[in-house]
Amino acid sequence: MSFRADLRKLTQSSLPELVLLAQTFFWLGATRIAIAAFPFQNVAHWVGLKIGETAAPILETQVSDINRIAWAVNAAARRTPWDSACLAQSLTGAILLQRKNIPALLYLGVAKDGANKNFSAHAWLRCGEIILTGAGGHERFHVIATFTIGG
C-alpha cells in the first residue's frame, strides 16, 4: 500500500481506531526491543504469560475487541520501519488483550525445513477459534510451548 493510500485510510479512521493503532505501534517497538535485549523468559514474565494450555473461554461480547486488536496488530506490523516478526506481533497482541482482560493462548512452534534440514520458528496468538496473529502456515509447526494470557 502506498503512503498516499495509508494516509487516506488514516484520515477515514475513527479516533478509537487511531488510538489503538498508536498503542499497537508502541508495543510492537517495545516488544521488538525486549526480544532483542532480554531472554525470552524475562519477556514472557514482563508480558504476563503463564505456561499452560488452558485459557478461559471468550465471551461473545469480546469478539469485536478481539477482531479490532487482530486488525490493529496486522495493520501496524505491515507498516513499521523495523521488522515486526511473528513473536513481536504475538506479544503485542497479548499485551493488548490483557488490557481488555481477554483470555488467549500464545504458541511457540518449530518446523524443520525439508531439504536443508534447518529449523524455523513461529509464534501465533489465538482467542477461542480466532487466530489473531501468525495464522499463515502455523499448522506446519510443532508446538514446543504454550502460554496463557489473561482471563
Foldseek 3Di string as FASTA:
>chain_A
DDPVVVVVVVVVDDPVLVVLLVLLLVQLVVVVVCVVPDDVVVVCVVLPWDFDDDKDAFDPVCVVVLQSLLVSLVVNCVPDPDHRFQVSSQSSSLNSCLVVQAKKKKWKFWAADPPVRDIDIHIWIDHHPDTSTDPPPPVRTDTPTMIMGGD
